[in-house]
Amino acid sequence: MQRSLSSGLLTVLLALGCAGEASAGAASPAGKALRDVSFATVDGTPLLLDVYPPDGGAKPLGLIVWVHGGAWRAGSRAAPGLAGLTARGWALASVDYRLSTVARFPAQIFDIKAAVRFLRAHAAEYGLPQAPYVIAGSSAGGHLAALVGLSNGEPELEGSVGAERKVSSAVQAVVSLYGASNLTSILAQSSPHGLSVRVPALELLLGGQPEALPELARLASPVFHVDASDPPLLLLHGDQDDQMPIEQSRELHAAYGKLGLPVQLTVVAGAGHGGAAFTDAPHLELIDRFLRERLLSPPVAKQ
């Protein structure tokens, strides 16, 4: 059973930056991040998330659930790439998931969906909306975000992590920054440097290479989950990315296009794999505009 923290104690913990378990019922002070919230426990290990409210304590336009990158085997929720969108009215939650050094796919998807369900179940307590929810991530996190968003309601990828299993894990939009979309084609598209990263990373994630595990590789590939019910999708990818082939974003863009689904692919000229180019002011503006136009009707004017 999770423990409730008094508002005074919670404020002290936040001020000191202490790690601890903040439970449902402990709302974040206006404008301050609420860190180390336990949303599930797997094999005795808690999975944590951090909640960032909009700047100034404004009512959030929606919630962005951020999934970090790191070749599925590393990385941290500590520095969410789209945190700058809190200045534009969005709340953001940055979530843990089991890394591939701990558990193979689809454990990562199970964990992220558990986080979405937890956030929706406890939205009122954290000052969050019930909708719209956006799933977003970069690199391996972009791949996982797309897979979560495009597998809304697919029993094989829902899992049983967390206590809120009857709550929907559906999201209303997806933002993938230089993420993978097709694990069955990624190696053939990769540069030598990309292969040096991707081959061992896929071995850990899947337990083997895609050609040896074709059904699992397809299950882990967002491009094979595209259907007419999928939410709006925004893709950003650098044209100089030598680690994640830009063809991965183009494949997912094309799959959406075939069904006439709302999709946008923005190629970031001169950008490699990650970096400030994806989260500078112009690209945060681009992401904000995409989400407002497709999720808020009529679009909410910026302050």
C-alpha atoms as a PDB file:
ATOM      1  CA  MET A   1       0.000   0.000   0.000  1.00  0.00           C
ATOM      2  CA  GLN A   2       1.369   3.422  -0.922  1.00  0.00           C
ATOM      3  CA  ARG A   3       1.927   6.013   1.769  1.00  0.00           C
ATOM      4  CA  SER A   4       0.358   9.480   1.721  1.00  0.00           C
ATOM      5  CA  LEU A   5       2.672  12.415   2.433  1.00  0.00           C
ATOM      6  CA  SER A   6       1.445  15.556   4.096  1.00  0.00           C
ATOM      7  CA  SER A   7       1.828  18.674   1.970  1.00  0.00           C
ATOM      8  CA  GLY A   8       4.357  20.057   4.453  1.00  0.00           C
ATOM      9  CA  LEU A   9       6.542  16.967   4.402  1.00  0.00           C
ATOM     10  CA  LEU A  10       6.285  16.737   0.623  1.00  0.00           C
ATOM     11  CA  THR A  11       7.438  20.345   0.293  1.00  0.00           C
ATOM     12  CA  VAL A  12      10.446  19.618   2.516  1.00  0.00           C
ATOM     13  CA  LEU A  13      11.372  16.537   0.491  1.00  0.00           C
ATOM     14  CA  LEU A  14      11.117  18.441  -2.760  1.00  0.00           C
ATOM     15  CA  ALA A  15      13.161  21.315  -1.415  1.00  0.00           C
ATOM     16  CA  LEU A  16      15.907  18.971  -0.233  1.00  0.00           C
ATOM     17  CA  GLY A  17      15.825  16.976  -3.459  1.00  0.00           C
ATOM     18  CA  CYS A  18      15.489  13.757  -1.476  1.00  0.00           C
ATOM     19  CA  ALA A  19      14.591  10.535  -3.207  1.00  0.00           C
ATOM     20  CA  GLY A  20      11.557   8.808  -1.816  1.00  0.00           C
ATOM     21  CA  GLU A  21       8.200   7.379  -2.698  1.00  0.00           C
ATOM     22  CA  ALA A  22       5.469   9.931  -3.255  1.00  0.00           C
ATOM     23  CA  SER A  23       2.085   8.327  -3.471  1.00  0.00           C
ATOM     24  CA  ALA A  24      -1.269   8.988  -5.036  1.00  0.00           C
ATOM     25  CA  GLY A  25      -2.975  11.662  -3.019  1.00  0.00           C
ATOM     26  CA  ALA A  26       0.184  13.787  -2.673  1.00  0.00           C
ATOM     27  CA  ALA A  27      -0.325  16.676  -5.078  1.00  0.00           C
ATOM     28  CA  SER A  28       2.585  18.672  -6.455  1.00  0.00           C
ATOM     29  CA  PRO A  29       2.953  22.235  -5.162  1.00  0.00           C
ATOM     30  CA  ALA A  30       2.074  24.727  -7.898  1.00  0.00           C
ATOM     31  CA  GLY A  31       4.865  25.028 -10.419  1.00  0.00           C
ATOM     32  CA  LYS A  32       7.163  22.483  -8.745  1.00  0.00           C
ATOM     33  CA  ALA A  33       8.167  19.070 -10.022  1.00  0.00           C
ATOM     34  CA  LEU A  34       7.018  16.052  -8.056  1.00  0.00           C
ATOM     35  CA  ARG A  35       9.792  13.480  -8.198  1.00  0.00           C
ATOM     36  CA  ASP A  36      10.204   9.780  -7.493  1.00  0.00           C
ATOM     37  CA  VAL A  37       6.549   8.794  -7.649  1.00  0.00           C
ATOM     38  CA  SER A  38       6.248   5.008  -7.549  1.00  0.00           C
ATOM     39  CA  PHE A  39       3.754   3.850 -10.192  1.00  0.00           C
ATOM     40  CA  ALA A  40       4.407   0.093 -10.011  1.00  0.00           C
ATOM     41  CA  THR A  41       6.702  -2.496  -8.491  1.00  0.00           C
ATOM     42  CA  VAL A  42       8.179  -5.374 -10.512  1.00  0.00           C
ATOM     43  CA  ASP A  43      10.141  -8.169  -8.843  1.00  0.00           C
ATOM     44  CA  GLY A  44      10.533  -6.049  -5.746  1.00  0.00           C
ATOM     45  CA  THR A  45      11.912  -3.031  -7.619  1.00  0.00           C
ATOM     46  CA  PRO A  46       9.819   0.163  -7.808  1.00  0.00           C
ATOM     47  CA  LEU A  47       9.306   1.919 -11.128  1.00  0.00           C
ATOM     48  CA  LEU A  48       9.320   5.679 -10.702  1.00  0.00           C
ATOM     49  CA  LEU A  49       8.162   8.764 -12.558  1.00  0.00           C
ATOM     50  CA  ASP A  50       8.514  12.514 -12.198  1.00  0.00           C
ATOM     51  CA  VAL A  51       5.690  14.988 -12.846  1.00  0.00           C
ATOM     52  CA  TYR A  52       6.382  18.499 -14.157  1.00  0.00           C
ATOM     53  CA  PRO A  53       3.370  20.857 -14.046  1.00  0.00           C
ATOM     54  CA  PRO A  54       3.010  23.796 -16.439  1.00  0.00           C
ATOM     55  CA  ASP A  55       4.989  26.869 -15.488  1.00  0.00           C
ATOM     56  CA  GLY A  56       3.238  29.187 -13.084  1.00  0.00           C
ATOM     57  CA  GLY A  57       0.756  26.574 -11.908  1.00  0.00           C
ATOM     58  CA  ALA A  58      -1.489  27.013 -14.946  1.00  0.00           C
ATOM     59  CA  LYS A  59      -4.119  24.411 -15.767  1.00  0.00           C
ATOM     60  CA  PRO A  60      -2.400  21.978 -18.172  1.00  0.00           C
ATOM     61  CA  LEU A  61      -3.471  21.750 -21.800  1.00  0.00           C
ATOM     62  CA  GLY A  62      -2.682  18.045 -21.677  1.00  0.00           C
ATOM     63  CA  LEU A  63      -0.051  15.612 -20.437  1.00  0.00           C
ATOM     64  CA  ILE A  64       3.102  14.603 -22.293  1.00  0.00           C
ATOM     65  CA  VAL A  65       4.510  11.255 -21.129  1.00  0.00           C
ATOM     66  CA  TRP A  66       8.245  11.261 -21.864  1.00  0.00           C
ATOM     67  CA  VAL A  67      10.243   8.071 -22.588  1.00  0.00           C
ATOM     68  CA  HIS A  68      14.028   8.413 -22.450  1.00  0.00           C
ATOM     69  CA  GLY A  69      16.462   6.917 -24.932  1.00  0.00           C
ATOM     70  CA  GLY A  70      19.670   4.962 -24.451  1.00  0.00           C
ATOM     71  CA  ALA A  71      19.638   2.015 -26.900  1.00  0.00           C
ATOM     72  CA  TRP A  72      17.024   0.355 -24.645  1.00  0.00           C
ATOM     73  CA  ARG A  73      19.815  -0.589 -22.225  1.00  0.00           C
ATOM     74  CA  ALA A  74      20.754   2.740 -20.599  1.00  0.00           C
ATOM     75  CA  GLY A  75      19.449   6.247 -19.981  1.00  0.00           C
ATOM     76  CA  SER A  76      17.478   8.046 -17.315  1.00  0.00           C
ATOM     77  CA  ARG A  77      14.187   9.835 -16.837  1.00  0.00           C
ATOM     78  CA  ALA A  78      16.065  12.657 -15.050  1.00  0.00           C
ATOM     79  CA  ALA A  79      16.306  15.145 -17.946  1.00  0.00           C
ATOM     80  CA  PRO A  80      13.215  14.898 -20.177  1.00  0.00           C
ATOM     81  CA  GLY A  81      13.873  16.280 -23.629  1.00  0.00           C
ATOM     82  CA  LEU A  82      10.563  18.119 -23.989  1.00  0.00           C
ATOM     83  CA  ALA A  83      10.571  19.751 -20.562  1.00  0.00           C
ATOM     84  CA  GLY A  84      10.550  23.102 -22.360  1.00  0.00           C
ATOM     85  CA  LEU A  85       6.911  22.517 -23.286  1.00  0.00           C
ATOM     86  CA  THR A  86       5.857  23.164 -19.677  1.00  0.00           C
ATOM     87  CA  ALA A  87       6.427  26.851 -20.481  1.00  0.00           C
ATOM     88  CA  ARG A  88       3.818  26.470 -23.232  1.00  0.00           C
ATOM     89  CA  GLY A  89       1.101  25.075 -20.986  1.00  0.00           C
ATOM     90  CA  TRP A  90       1.711  21.319 -21.079  1.00  0.00           C
ATOM     91  CA  ALA A  91       2.269  19.067 -18.083  1.00  0.00           C
ATOM     92  CA  LEU A  92       4.966  16.433 -18.494  1.00  0.00           C
ATOM     93  CA  ALA A  93       5.683  13.108 -16.799  1.00  0.00           C
ATOM     94  CA  SER A  94       9.047  11.395 -17.313  1.00  0.00           C
ATOM     95  CA  VAL A  95       8.862   7.658 -16.664  1.00  0.00           C
ATOM     96  CA  ASP A  96      11.067   4.705 -15.810  1.00  0.00           C
ATOM     97  CA  TYR A  97      10.955   1.403 -17.640  1.00  0.00           C
ATOM     98  CA  ARG A  98      12.939  -1.787 -17.217  1.00  0.00           C
ATOM     99  CA  LEU A  99      16.074  -1.615 -19.319  1.00  0.00           C
ATOM    100  CA  SER A 100      17.031  -4.471 -21.628  1.00  0.00           C
ATOM    101  CA  THR A 101      19.852  -5.410 -19.275  1.00  0.00           C
ATOM    102  CA  VAL A 102      17.131  -6.328 -16.769  1.00  0.00           C
ATOM    103  CA  ALA A 103      14.229  -7.576 -18.908  1.00  0.00           C
ATOM    104  CA  ARG A 104      13.634  -8.290 -22.579  1.00  0.00           C
ATOM    105  CA  PHE A 105      10.923  -6.859 -24.788  1.00  0.00           C
ATOM    106  CA  PRO A 106       7.982  -6.414 -24.309  1.00  0.00           C
ATOM    107  CA  ALA A 107       8.677  -5.590 -20.642  1.00  0.00           C
ATOM    108  CA  GLN A 108       9.483  -1.983 -21.600  1.00  0.00           C
ATOM    109  CA  ILE A 109       6.072  -1.495 -23.228  1.00  0.00           C
ATOM    110  CA  PHE A 110       4.293  -3.104 -20.280  1.00  0.00           C
ATOM    111  CA  ASP A 111       6.011  -0.661 -17.909  1.00  0.00           C
ATOM    112  CA  ILE A 112       5.297   2.475 -19.943  1.00  0.00           C
ATOM    113  CA  LYS A 113       1.640   1.530 -20.375  1.00  0.00           C
ATOM    114  CA  ALA A 114       1.441   0.953 -16.618  1.00  0.00           C
ATOM    115  CA  ALA A 115       2.750   4.490 -16.117  1.00  0.00           C
ATOM    116  CA  VAL A 116       0.092   5.915 -18.454  1.00  0.00           C
ATOM    117  CA  ARG A 117      -2.638   4.016 -16.615  1.00  0.00           C
ATOM    118  CA  PHE A 118      -1.330   5.198 -13.240  1.00  0.00           C
ATOM    119  CA  LEU A 119      -1.207   8.830 -14.357  1.00  0.00           C
ATOM    120  CA  ARG A 120      -4.740   8.671 -15.734  1.00  0.00           C
ATOM    121  CA  ALA A 121      -6.085   6.905 -12.625  1.00  0.00           C
ATOM    122  CA  HIS A 122      -4.549   9.500 -10.314  1.00  0.00           C
ATOM    123  CA  ALA A 123      -4.865  12.532 -12.569  1.00  0.00           C
ATOM    124  CA  ALA A 124      -6.979  14.582 -10.181  1.00  0.00           C
ATOM    125  CA  GLU A 125      -4.554  14.064  -7.307  1.00  0.00           C
ATOM    126  CA  TYR A 126      -1.625  15.332  -9.368  1.00  0.00           C
ATOM    127  CA  GLY A 127      -3.486  18.189 -11.022  1.00  0.00           C
ATOM    128  CA  LEU A 128      -3.399  16.455 -14.405  1.00  0.00           C
ATOM    129  CA  PRO A 129      -6.084  16.112 -17.072  1.00  0.00           C
ATOM    130  CA  GLN A 130      -7.702  12.839 -18.105  1.00  0.00           C
ATOM    131  CA  ALA A 131      -6.946  13.775 -21.714  1.00  0.00           C
ATOM    132  CA  PRO A 132      -5.328  14.526 -24.040  1.00  0.00           C
ATOM    133  CA  TYR A 133      -2.294  12.350 -23.369  1.00  0.00           C
ATOM    134  CA  VAL A 134       0.753  12.515 -25.635  1.00  0.00           C
ATOM    135  CA  ILE A 135       3.457   9.834 -25.643  1.00  0.00           C
ATOM    136  CA  ALA A 136       6.866  11.146 -26.680  1.00  0.00           C
ATOM    137  CA  GLY A 137      10.469  10.011 -26.659  1.00  0.00           C
ATOM    138  CA  SER A 138      13.859  10.167 -28.332  1.00  0.00           C
ATOM    139  CA  SER A 139      15.964   7.459 -30.006  1.00  0.00           C
ATOM    140  CA  ALA A 140      15.075   4.137 -28.342  1.00  0.00           C
ATOM    141  CA  GLY A 141      12.511   6.125 -26.365  1.00  0.00           C
ATOM    142  CA  GLY A 142      11.010   7.375 -29.620  1.00  0.00           C
ATOM    143  CA  HIS A 143      10.647   3.773 -30.771  1.00  0.00           C
ATOM    144  CA  LEU A 144       8.992   2.755 -27.495  1.00  0.00           C
ATOM    145  CA  ALA A 145       6.736   5.822 -27.518  1.00  0.00           C
ATOM    146  CA  ALA A 146       5.543   5.061 -31.048  1.00  0.00           C
ATOM    147  CA  LEU A 147       4.898   1.443 -30.166  1.00  0.00           C
ATOM    148  CA  VAL A 148       2.903   2.408 -27.074  1.00  0.00           C
ATOM    149  CA  GLY A 149       0.859   4.918 -29.053  1.00  0.00           C
ATOM    150  CA  LEU A 150       0.163   2.659 -32.017  1.00  0.00           C
ATOM    151  CA  SER A 151      -0.786  -0.389 -29.939  1.00  0.00           C
ATOM    152  CA  ASN A 152      -3.659   1.177 -28.009  1.00  0.00           C
ATOM    153  CA  GLY A 153      -5.757  -1.689 -26.688  1.00  0.00           C
ATOM    154  CA  GLU A 154      -3.651  -4.517 -28.157  1.00  0.00           C
ATOM    155  CA  PRO A 155      -3.822  -7.266 -25.482  1.00  0.00           C
ATOM    156  CA  GLU A 156      -0.429  -8.712 -26.427  1.00  0.00           C
ATOM    157  CA  LEU A 157       1.269  -5.445 -25.481  1.00  0.00           C
ATOM    158  CA  GLU A 158      -0.816  -4.278 -22.529  1.00  0.00           C
ATOM    159  CA  GLY A 159       0.789  -6.470 -19.878  1.00  0.00           C
ATOM    160  CA  SER A 160      -0.200  -6.754 -16.240  1.00  0.00           C
ATOM    161  CA  VAL A 161       2.212  -4.336 -14.571  1.00  0.00           C
ATOM    162  CA  GLY A 162       0.743  -1.985 -11.972  1.00  0.00           C
ATOM    163  CA  ALA A 163      -2.468  -1.891  -9.987  1.00  0.00           C
ATOM    164  CA  GLU A 164      -4.553   0.141 -12.460  1.00  0.00           C
ATOM    165  CA  ARG A 165      -5.038  -2.591 -15.057  1.00  0.00           C
ATOM    166  CA  LYS A 166      -8.658  -1.649 -15.798  1.00  0.00           C
ATOM    167  CA  VAL A 167      -7.702   1.929 -16.700  1.00  0.00           C
ATOM    168  CA  SER A 168      -7.055   2.810 -20.337  1.00  0.00           C
ATOM    169  CA  SER A 169      -3.446   3.169 -21.509  1.00  0.00           C
ATOM    170  CA  ALA A 170      -4.548   4.919 -24.727  1.00  0.00           C
ATOM    171  CA  VAL A 171      -2.859   8.127 -25.836  1.00  0.00           C
ATOM    172  CA  GLN A 172      -4.138  10.785 -28.202  1.00  0.00           C
ATOM    173  CA  ALA A 173      -0.900  11.712 -30.009  1.00  0.00           C
ATOM    174  CA  VAL A 174       2.659  10.446 -30.547  1.00  0.00           C
ATOM    175  CA  VAL A 175       5.914  12.392 -30.910  1.00  0.00           C
ATOM    176  CA  SER A 176       8.990  10.396 -31.943  1.00  0.00           C
ATOM    177  CA  LEU A 177      12.380  12.086 -32.111  1.00  0.00           C
ATOM    178  CA  TYR A 178      14.771  10.058 -34.297  1.00  0.00           C
ATOM    179  CA  GLY A 179      13.250   6.750 -33.177  1.00  0.00           C
ATOM    180  CA  ALA A 180      13.186   3.297 -34.768  1.00  0.00           C
ATOM    181  CA  SER A 181      10.022   2.035 -36.444  1.00  0.00           C
ATOM    182  CA  ASN A 182      10.906  -1.258 -38.143  1.00  0.00           C
ATOM    183  CA  LEU A 183      13.300  -3.659 -36.463  1.00  0.00           C
ATOM    184  CA  THR A 184      13.113  -6.015 -39.445  1.00  0.00           C
ATOM    185  CA  SER A 185      14.744  -3.436 -41.746  1.00  0.00           C
ATOM    186  CA  ILE A 186      16.882  -1.328 -39.433  1.00  0.00           C
ATOM    187  CA  LEU A 187      20.115  -3.287 -39.785  1.00  0.00           C
ATOM    188  CA  ALA A 188      20.019  -3.271 -43.579  1.00  0.00           C
ATOM    189  CA  GLN A 189      19.616   0.521 -43.459  1.00  0.00           C
ATOM    190  CA  SER A 190      22.344   1.147 -40.881  1.00  0.00           C
ATOM    191  CA  SER A 191      25.793   2.655 -41.299  1.00  0.00           C
ATOM    192  CA  PRO A 192      28.809   0.797 -39.877  1.00  0.00           C
ATOM    193  CA  HIS A 193      28.596   2.982 -36.783  1.00  0.00           C
ATOM    194  CA  GLY A 194      24.880   2.309 -36.520  1.00  0.00           C
ATOM    195  CA  LEU A 195      25.499  -1.434 -36.710  1.00  0.00           C
ATOM    196  CA  SER A 196      28.083  -1.235 -33.941  1.00  0.00           C
ATOM    197  CA  VAL A 197      25.391   0.220 -31.668  1.00  0.00           C
ATOM    198  CA  ARG A 198      22.287  -1.526 -32.928  1.00  0.00           C
ATOM    199  CA  VAL A 199      23.442  -5.157 -33.205  1.00  0.00           C
ATOM    200  CA  PRO A 200      24.346  -5.585 -29.503  1.00  0.00           C
ATOM    201  CA  ALA A 201      21.375  -3.426 -28.480  1.00  0.00           C
ATOM    202  CA  LEU A 202      18.912  -5.630 -30.372  1.00  0.00           C
ATOM    203  CA  GLU A 203      20.541  -8.744 -28.951  1.00  0.00           C
ATOM    204  CA  LEU A 204      19.744  -7.497 -25.455  1.00  0.00           C
ATOM    205  CA  LEU A 205      16.279  -6.201 -26.284  1.00  0.00           C
ATOM    206  CA  LEU A 206      14.957  -9.198 -28.208  1.00  0.00           C
ATOM    207  CA  GLY A 207      17.236 -11.977 -27.024  1.00  0.00           C
ATOM    208  CA  GLY A 208      18.592 -12.381 -30.569  1.00  0.00           C
ATOM    209  CA  GLN A 209      18.784 -10.641 -33.918  1.00  0.00           C
ATOM    210  CA  PRO A 210      15.594  -9.731 -35.827  1.00  0.00           C
ATOM    211  CA  GLU A 211      16.239 -12.228 -38.644  1.00  0.00           C
ATOM    212  CA  ALA A 212      16.320 -15.036 -36.083  1.00  0.00           C
ATOM    213  CA  LEU A 213      13.198 -13.794 -34.281  1.00  0.00           C
ATOM    214  CA  PRO A 214      10.980 -12.397 -37.074  1.00  0.00           C
ATOM    215  CA  GLU A 215       7.649 -12.584 -35.233  1.00  0.00           C
ATOM    216  CA  LEU A 216       9.051 -10.868 -32.146  1.00  0.00           C
ATOM    217  CA  ALA A 217      10.782  -8.251 -34.299  1.00  0.00           C
ATOM    218  CA  ARG A 218       7.480  -7.476 -36.029  1.00  0.00           C
ATOM    219  CA  LEU A 219       5.667  -7.246 -32.697  1.00  0.00           C
ATOM    220  CA  ALA A 220       8.329  -4.758 -31.572  1.00  0.00           C
ATOM    221  CA  SER A 221       8.017  -2.637 -34.748  1.00  0.00           C
ATOM    222  CA  PRO A 222       5.537   0.275 -34.749  1.00  0.00           C
ATOM    223  CA  VAL A 223       5.200   0.180 -38.540  1.00  0.00           C
ATOM    224  CA  PHE A 224       3.393  -3.172 -38.312  1.00  0.00           C
ATOM    225  CA  HIS A 225       0.840  -1.805 -35.834  1.00  0.00           C
ATOM    226  CA  VAL A 226      -0.437   1.082 -37.954  1.00  0.00           C
ATOM    227  CA  ASP A 227      -4.212   1.011 -38.447  1.00  0.00           C
ATOM    228  CA  ALA A 228      -7.037   3.448 -39.059  1.00  0.00           C
ATOM    229  CA  SER A 229      -7.581   4.113 -35.342  1.00  0.00           C
ATOM    230  CA  ASP A 230      -4.069   5.407 -34.636  1.00  0.00           C
ATOM    231  CA  PRO A 231      -3.541   8.883 -33.157  1.00  0.00           C
ATOM    232  CA  PRO A 232      -1.778  11.840 -34.810  1.00  0.00           C
ATOM    233  CA  LEU A 233       1.962  11.275 -35.216  1.00  0.00           C
ATOM    234  CA  LEU A 234       4.832  13.765 -35.353  1.00  0.00           C
ATOM    235  CA  LEU A 235       8.302  12.564 -36.404  1.00  0.00           C
ATOM    236  CA  LEU A 236      11.531  14.549 -36.193  1.00  0.00           C
ATOM    237  CA  HIS A 237      14.777  13.121 -37.596  1.00  0.00           C
ATOM    238  CA  GLY A 238      18.173  14.554 -38.486  1.00  0.00           C
ATOM    239  CA  ASP A 239      19.399  14.152 -42.044  1.00  0.00           C
ATOM    240  CA  GLN A 240      22.942  13.474 -40.761  1.00  0.00           C
ATOM    241  CA  ASP A 241      21.994  10.757 -38.256  1.00  0.00           C
ATOM    242  CA  ASP A 242      24.591   7.990 -38.581  1.00  0.00           C
ATOM    243  CA  GLN A 243      23.175   5.901 -35.749  1.00  0.00           C
ATOM    244  CA  MET A 244      19.414   5.727 -36.393  1.00  0.00           C
ATOM    245  CA  PRO A 245      18.650   5.581 -40.124  1.00  0.00           C
ATOM    246  CA  ILE A 246      16.307   8.345 -41.239  1.00  0.00           C
ATOM    247  CA  GLU A 247      14.584   5.668 -43.337  1.00  0.00           C
ATOM    248  CA  GLN A 248      13.056   4.435 -40.079  1.00  0.00           C
ATOM    249  CA  SER A 249      11.037   7.632 -39.720  1.00  0.00           C
ATOM    250  CA  ARG A 250      10.244   7.661 -43.420  1.00  0.00           C
ATOM    251  CA  GLU A 251       8.831   4.124 -43.220  1.00  0.00           C
ATOM    252  CA  LEU A 252       6.453   5.062 -40.419  1.00  0.00           C
ATOM    253  CA  HIS A 253       5.506   8.289 -42.175  1.00  0.00           C
ATOM    254  CA  ALA A 254       4.673   6.312 -45.334  1.00  0.00           C
ATOM    255  CA  ALA A 255       2.586   3.743 -43.422  1.00  0.00           C
ATOM    256  CA  TYR A 256       0.495   6.553 -41.935  1.00  0.00           C
ATOM    257  CA  GLY A 257       0.208   8.225 -45.310  1.00  0.00           C
ATOM    258  CA  LYS A 258      -1.207   5.106 -46.946  1.00  0.00           C
ATOM    259  CA  LEU A 259      -4.152   5.236 -44.549  1.00  0.00           C
ATOM    260  CA  GLY A 260      -4.569   9.002 -44.722  1.00  0.00           C
ATOM    261  CA  LEU A 261      -3.795   9.382 -41.021  1.00  0.00           C
ATOM    262  CA  PRO A 262      -2.607  12.704 -39.555  1.00  0.00           C
ATOM    263  CA  VAL A 263       1.193  12.631 -39.701  1.00  0.00           C
ATOM    264  CA  GLN A 264       4.081  15.038 -40.095  1.00  0.00           C
ATOM    265  CA  LEU A 265       7.760  14.243 -40.707  1.00  0.00           C
ATOM    266  CA  THR A 266      10.148  17.107 -40.088  1.00  0.00           C
ATOM    267  CA  VAL A 267      13.696  16.522 -41.315  1.00  0.00           C
ATOM    268  CA  VAL A 268      16.131  18.555 -39.216  1.00  0.00           C
ATOM    269  CA  ALA A 269      18.808  19.742 -41.621  1.00  0.00           C
ATOM    270  CA  GLY A 270      22.367  19.116 -40.489  1.00  0.00           C
ATOM    271  CA  ALA A 271      21.323  17.323 -37.288  1.00  0.00           C
ATOM    272  CA  GLY A 272      22.816  14.037 -36.205  1.00  0.00           C
ATOM    273  CA  HIS A 273      21.543  11.619 -33.578  1.00  0.00           C
ATOM    274  CA  GLY A 274      20.101  13.894 -30.935  1.00  0.00           C
ATOM    275  CA  GLY A 275      21.339  17.220 -29.690  1.00  0.00           C
ATOM    276  CA  ALA A 276      19.891  20.627 -28.961  1.00  0.00           C
ATOM    277  CA  ALA A 277      18.601  21.060 -32.512  1.00  0.00           C
ATOM    278  CA  PHE A 278      15.537  18.969 -31.657  1.00  0.00           C
ATOM    279  CA  THR A 279      14.541  20.910 -28.550  1.00  0.00           C
ATOM    280  CA  ASP A 280      15.507  24.453 -29.492  1.00  0.00           C
ATOM    281  CA  ALA A 281      12.835  27.161 -29.500  1.00  0.00           C
ATOM    282  CA  PRO A 282      11.778  26.685 -33.147  1.00  0.00           C
ATOM    283  CA  HIS A 283      11.288  22.941 -32.768  1.00  0.00           C
ATOM    284  CA  LEU A 284       9.506  23.233 -29.432  1.00  0.00           C
ATOM    285  CA  GLU A 285       7.229  25.712 -31.197  1.00  0.00           C
ATOM    286  CA  LEU A 286       6.700  23.205 -34.018  1.00  0.00           C
ATOM    287  CA  ILE A 287       5.797  20.416 -31.573  1.00  0.00           C
ATOM    288  CA  ASP A 288       3.520  22.699 -29.561  1.00  0.00           C
ATOM    289  CA  ARG A 289       1.705  23.846 -32.705  1.00  0.00           C
ATOM    290  CA  PHE A 290       1.262  20.283 -33.978  1.00  0.00           C
ATOM    291  CA  LEU A 291      -0.280  19.174 -30.677  1.00  0.00           C
ATOM    292  CA  ARG A 292      -2.534  22.216 -30.305  1.00  0.00           C
ATOM    293  CA  GLU A 293      -3.864  21.930 -33.860  1.00  0.00           C
ATOM    294  CA  ARG A 294      -4.666  18.232 -33.586  1.00  0.00           C
ATOM    295  CA  LEU A 295      -5.683  17.828 -29.955  1.00  0.00           C
ATOM    296  CA  LEU A 296      -7.285  21.078 -28.862  1.00  0.00           C
ATOM    297  CA  SER A 297     -10.464  22.143 -30.624  1.00  0.00           C
ATOM    298  CA  PRO A 298     -10.444  25.028 -31.120  1.00  0.00           C
ATOM    299  CA  PRO A 299      -6.688  25.411 -30.493  1.00  0.00           C
ATOM    300  CA  VAL A 300      -5.990  27.195 -27.228  1.00  0.00           C
ATOM    301  CA  ALA A 301      -4.232  30.488 -27.838  1.00  0.00           C
ATOM    302  CA  LYS A 302      -0.813  30.842 -26.276  1.00  0.00           C
ATOM    303  CA  GLN A 303      -0.516  33.279 -23.394  1.00  0.00           C
END
